[in-house]
């Protein structure tokens, strides 16, 4: 089942609803139920396999957002030792 865009109807926002035309792609449009279920299953598998990071580590990385020290998480993780 498709969901309504979070910002409301496409014509109200004056934008195209096609995911490929949005600046951030599908990050802005809500996911379908099937996509949510697939993401949840992937997350649960990551947790079960121990592929998680402590809150304190993620918080430290988030503190770099908007600063000259910002790097994508994987790069930041490698450089922070």
N, C-alpha and C. Protein backbone atom coordinates (compact mmCIF):
# COMPACT_ATOMS: atom_id res chain seq x y z
N UNK A 1 0.83 -1.17 0.00
CA UNK A 1 0.00 0.00 0.00
C UNK A 1 0.89 1.25 0.00
N UNK A 2 0.65 2.15 -0.95
CA UNK A 2 1.42 3.39 -1.02
C UNK A 2 0.89 4.37 0.01
N UNK A 3 1.79 5.15 0.60
CA UNK A 3 1.41 6.15 1.59
C UNK A 3 1.45 7.54 0.97
N UNK A 4 0.72 8.46 1.57
CA UNK A 4 0.75 9.85 1.13
C UNK A 4 2.10 10.45 1.47
N UNK A 5 2.61 11.36 0.65
CA UNK A 5 3.85 12.05 1.01
C UNK A 5 3.69 12.76 2.35
N UNK A 6 4.75 12.81 3.12
CA UNK A 6 4.72 13.42 4.43
C UNK A 6 4.29 14.88 4.36
N UNK A 7 4.73 15.59 3.32
CA UNK A 7 4.43 17.02 3.24
C UNK A 7 3.03 17.28 2.70
N UNK A 8 2.31 16.27 2.39
CA UNK A 8 0.95 16.45 1.87
C UNK A 8 0.89 16.10 0.41
N UNK A 9 -0.14 16.52 -0.23
CA UNK A 9 -0.31 16.22 -1.64
C UNK A 9 0.74 16.92 -2.48
N UNK A 10 1.17 16.26 -3.54
CA UNK A 10 2.22 16.81 -4.39
C UNK A 10 1.85 18.19 -4.94
N UNK A 11 0.59 18.34 -5.35
CA UNK A 11 0.23 19.63 -5.95
C UNK A 11 0.20 20.74 -4.91
N UNK A 12 -0.02 20.41 -3.64
CA UNK A 12 0.03 21.43 -2.59
C UNK A 12 1.44 21.96 -2.39
N UNK A 13 2.41 21.09 -2.58
CA UNK A 13 3.80 21.48 -2.37
C UNK A 13 4.44 22.03 -3.65
N UNK A 14 3.76 21.84 -4.78
CA UNK A 14 4.30 22.32 -6.04
C UNK A 14 5.50 21.53 -6.51
N UNK A 15 5.54 20.24 -6.19
CA UNK A 15 6.68 19.41 -6.58
C UNK A 15 6.20 18.15 -7.25
N UNK A 16 7.10 17.51 -7.95
CA UNK A 16 6.82 16.26 -8.65
C UNK A 16 6.95 15.12 -7.65
N UNK A 17 6.03 14.18 -7.69
CA UNK A 17 6.06 13.07 -6.74
C UNK A 17 6.98 11.93 -7.17
N UNK A 18 7.56 12.02 -8.37
CA UNK A 18 8.46 10.96 -8.84
C UNK A 18 9.74 10.99 -8.01
N UNK A 19 10.07 9.87 -7.37
CA UNK A 19 11.24 9.81 -6.48
C UNK A 19 12.53 10.24 -7.18
N UNK A 20 12.68 9.94 -8.44
CA UNK A 20 13.92 10.25 -9.13
C UNK A 20 14.11 11.75 -9.34
N UNK A 21 13.05 12.53 -9.24
CA UNK A 21 13.18 13.96 -9.47
C UNK A 21 13.37 14.75 -8.18
N UNK A 22 13.28 14.12 -7.05
CA UNK A 22 13.45 14.80 -5.76
C UNK A 22 14.93 14.97 -5.47
N UNK A 23 15.33 16.07 -4.87
CA UNK A 23 16.75 16.29 -4.57
C UNK A 23 17.36 15.18 -3.73
N UNK A 24 16.62 14.65 -2.77
CA UNK A 24 17.15 13.60 -1.91
C UNK A 24 16.58 12.23 -2.27
N UNK A 25 15.99 12.12 -3.42
CA UNK A 25 15.46 10.84 -3.86
C UNK A 25 14.37 10.33 -2.93
N UNK A 26 14.43 9.05 -2.61
CA UNK A 26 13.38 8.43 -1.82
C UNK A 26 13.48 8.78 -0.34
N UNK A 27 14.51 9.49 0.08
CA UNK A 27 14.64 9.84 1.49
C UNK A 27 13.50 10.74 1.95
N UNK A 28 12.90 11.49 1.04
CA UNK A 28 11.85 12.42 1.42
C UNK A 28 10.48 11.75 1.38
N UNK A 29 10.27 10.90 0.41
CA UNK A 29 8.96 10.24 0.29
C UNK A 29 8.87 9.09 1.27
N UNK A 30 7.69 8.87 1.82
CA UNK A 30 7.53 7.73 2.73
C UNK A 30 7.70 6.42 1.99
N UNK A 31 8.02 5.40 2.75
CA UNK A 31 8.24 4.08 2.18
C UNK A 31 6.93 3.30 2.12
N UNK A 32 6.89 2.33 1.24
CA UNK A 32 5.73 1.44 1.17
C UNK A 32 5.81 0.47 2.35
N UNK A 33 4.72 -0.21 2.63
CA UNK A 33 4.72 -1.20 3.70
C UNK A 33 5.76 -2.29 3.45
N UNK A 34 5.90 -2.69 2.18
CA UNK A 34 6.87 -3.72 1.83
C UNK A 34 8.30 -3.23 2.10
N UNK A 35 8.58 -1.97 1.76
CA UNK A 35 9.91 -1.41 2.02
C UNK A 35 10.19 -1.31 3.51
N UNK A 36 9.19 -0.94 4.28
CA UNK A 36 9.34 -0.85 5.74
C UNK A 36 9.65 -2.23 6.31
N UNK A 37 8.91 -3.25 5.86
CA UNK A 37 9.14 -4.61 6.35
C UNK A 37 10.54 -5.10 5.98
N UNK A 38 10.99 -4.80 4.77
CA UNK A 38 12.33 -5.22 4.34
C UNK A 38 13.41 -4.52 5.17
N UNK A 39 13.25 -3.22 5.41
CA UNK A 39 14.21 -2.47 6.23
C UNK A 39 14.24 -3.00 7.66
N UNK A 40 13.07 -3.31 8.20
CA UNK A 40 12.99 -3.83 9.57
C UNK A 40 13.67 -5.19 9.67
N UNK A 41 13.45 -6.05 8.69
CA UNK A 41 14.08 -7.37 8.69
C UNK A 41 15.61 -7.23 8.60
N UNK A 42 16.08 -6.30 7.78
CA UNK A 42 17.53 -6.08 7.66
C UNK A 42 18.10 -5.55 8.98
N UNK A 43 17.39 -4.63 9.61
CA UNK A 43 17.85 -4.08 10.90
C UNK A 43 17.89 -5.17 11.97
N UNK A 44 16.87 -6.00 12.02
CA UNK A 44 16.83 -7.09 13.00
C UNK A 44 17.97 -8.07 12.78
N UNK A 45 18.30 -8.35 11.52
CA UNK A 45 19.42 -9.24 11.21
C UNK A 45 20.74 -8.62 11.64
N UNK A 46 20.88 -7.31 11.43
CA UNK A 46 22.10 -6.61 11.87
C UNK A 46 22.24 -6.69 13.38
N UNK A 47 21.16 -6.47 14.10
CA UNK A 47 21.20 -6.54 15.56
C UNK A 47 21.57 -7.94 16.02
N UNK A 48 20.93 -8.94 15.43
CA UNK A 48 21.20 -10.33 15.81
C UNK A 48 22.66 -10.71 15.54
N UNK A 49 23.25 -10.13 14.49
CA UNK A 49 24.63 -10.45 14.12
C UNK A 49 25.64 -9.57 14.86
N UNK A 50 25.14 -8.64 15.68
CA UNK A 50 26.05 -7.77 16.43
C UNK A 50 26.60 -6.61 15.63
N UNK A 51 25.98 -6.31 14.50
CA UNK A 51 26.43 -5.18 13.68
C UNK A 51 25.75 -3.90 14.16
N UNK A 52 26.11 -3.48 15.36
CA UNK A 52 25.54 -2.28 15.96
C UNK A 52 26.67 -1.45 16.57
N UNK A 53 26.40 -0.18 16.83
CA UNK A 53 27.37 0.71 17.45
C UNK A 53 26.75 1.31 18.70
N UNK A 54 27.55 1.54 19.73
CA UNK A 54 27.01 2.12 20.96
C UNK A 54 26.54 3.56 20.74
N UNK A 55 25.56 3.95 21.52
CA UNK A 55 24.99 5.29 21.43
C UNK A 55 26.06 6.36 21.57
N UNK A 56 26.98 6.17 22.48
CA UNK A 56 28.02 7.17 22.71
C UNK A 56 28.88 7.40 21.46
N UNK A 57 29.15 6.34 20.71
CA UNK A 57 29.95 6.46 19.50
C UNK A 57 29.17 7.21 18.41
N UNK A 58 27.92 6.85 18.22
CA UNK A 58 27.09 7.52 17.22
C UNK A 58 26.89 8.99 17.60
N UNK A 59 26.70 9.26 18.89
CA UNK A 59 26.54 10.65 19.35
C UNK A 59 27.79 11.48 19.05
N UNK A 60 28.96 10.90 19.28
CA UNK A 60 30.21 11.61 18.99
C UNK A 60 30.31 11.94 17.51
N UNK A 61 29.91 11.00 16.66
CA UNK A 61 29.93 11.27 15.22
C UNK A 61 28.93 12.36 14.85
N UNK A 62 27.74 12.30 15.44
CA UNK A 62 26.72 13.31 15.14
C UNK A 62 27.19 14.71 15.53
N UNK A 63 28.01 14.80 16.54
CA UNK A 63 28.53 16.10 16.96
C UNK A 63 29.40 16.75 15.88
N UNK A 64 29.90 15.95 14.93
CA UNK A 64 30.73 16.51 13.86
C UNK A 64 29.91 17.07 12.72
N UNK A 65 28.63 16.79 12.67
CA UNK A 65 27.78 17.29 11.58
C UNK A 65 27.82 18.81 11.56
N UNK A 66 27.99 19.37 10.40
CA UNK A 66 28.02 20.81 10.25
C UNK A 66 29.36 21.43 10.61
N UNK A 67 30.35 20.61 10.91
CA UNK A 67 31.67 21.12 11.24
C UNK A 67 32.67 20.71 10.16
N UNK A 68 33.84 21.34 10.15
CA UNK A 68 34.87 20.94 9.18
C UNK A 68 35.36 19.50 9.41
N UNK A 69 35.11 18.96 10.61
CA UNK A 69 35.54 17.60 10.93
C UNK A 69 34.58 16.52 10.43
N UNK A 70 33.44 16.93 9.85
CA UNK A 70 32.46 15.94 9.41
C UNK A 70 33.04 15.03 8.34
N UNK A 71 32.76 13.74 8.49
CA UNK A 71 33.05 12.71 7.48
C UNK A 71 31.89 11.72 7.52
N UNK A 72 31.64 11.02 6.42
CA UNK A 72 30.66 9.94 6.47
C UNK A 72 31.05 8.97 7.60
N UNK A 73 30.07 8.31 8.19
CA UNK A 73 30.29 7.51 9.39
C UNK A 73 31.45 6.52 9.25
N UNK A 74 31.48 5.75 8.17
CA UNK A 74 32.54 4.74 8.01
C UNK A 74 33.93 5.38 7.99
N UNK A 75 34.05 6.51 7.28
CA UNK A 75 35.34 7.21 7.24
C UNK A 75 35.69 7.76 8.61
N UNK A 76 34.72 8.37 9.28
CA UNK A 76 34.96 8.93 10.61
C UNK A 76 35.39 7.83 11.58
N UNK A 77 34.72 6.70 11.50
CA UNK A 77 35.02 5.59 12.39
C UNK A 77 36.47 5.12 12.21
N UNK A 78 36.90 4.99 10.95
CA UNK A 78 38.28 4.56 10.67
C UNK A 78 39.29 5.58 11.17
N UNK A 79 38.98 6.86 11.01
CA UNK A 79 39.95 7.90 11.39
C UNK A 79 39.95 8.20 12.88
N UNK A 80 38.90 7.78 13.58
CA UNK A 80 38.83 8.09 15.02
C UNK A 80 39.44 6.99 15.87
N UNK A 81 39.93 5.97 15.24
CA UNK A 81 40.66 4.93 15.94
C UNK A 81 39.80 3.91 16.58
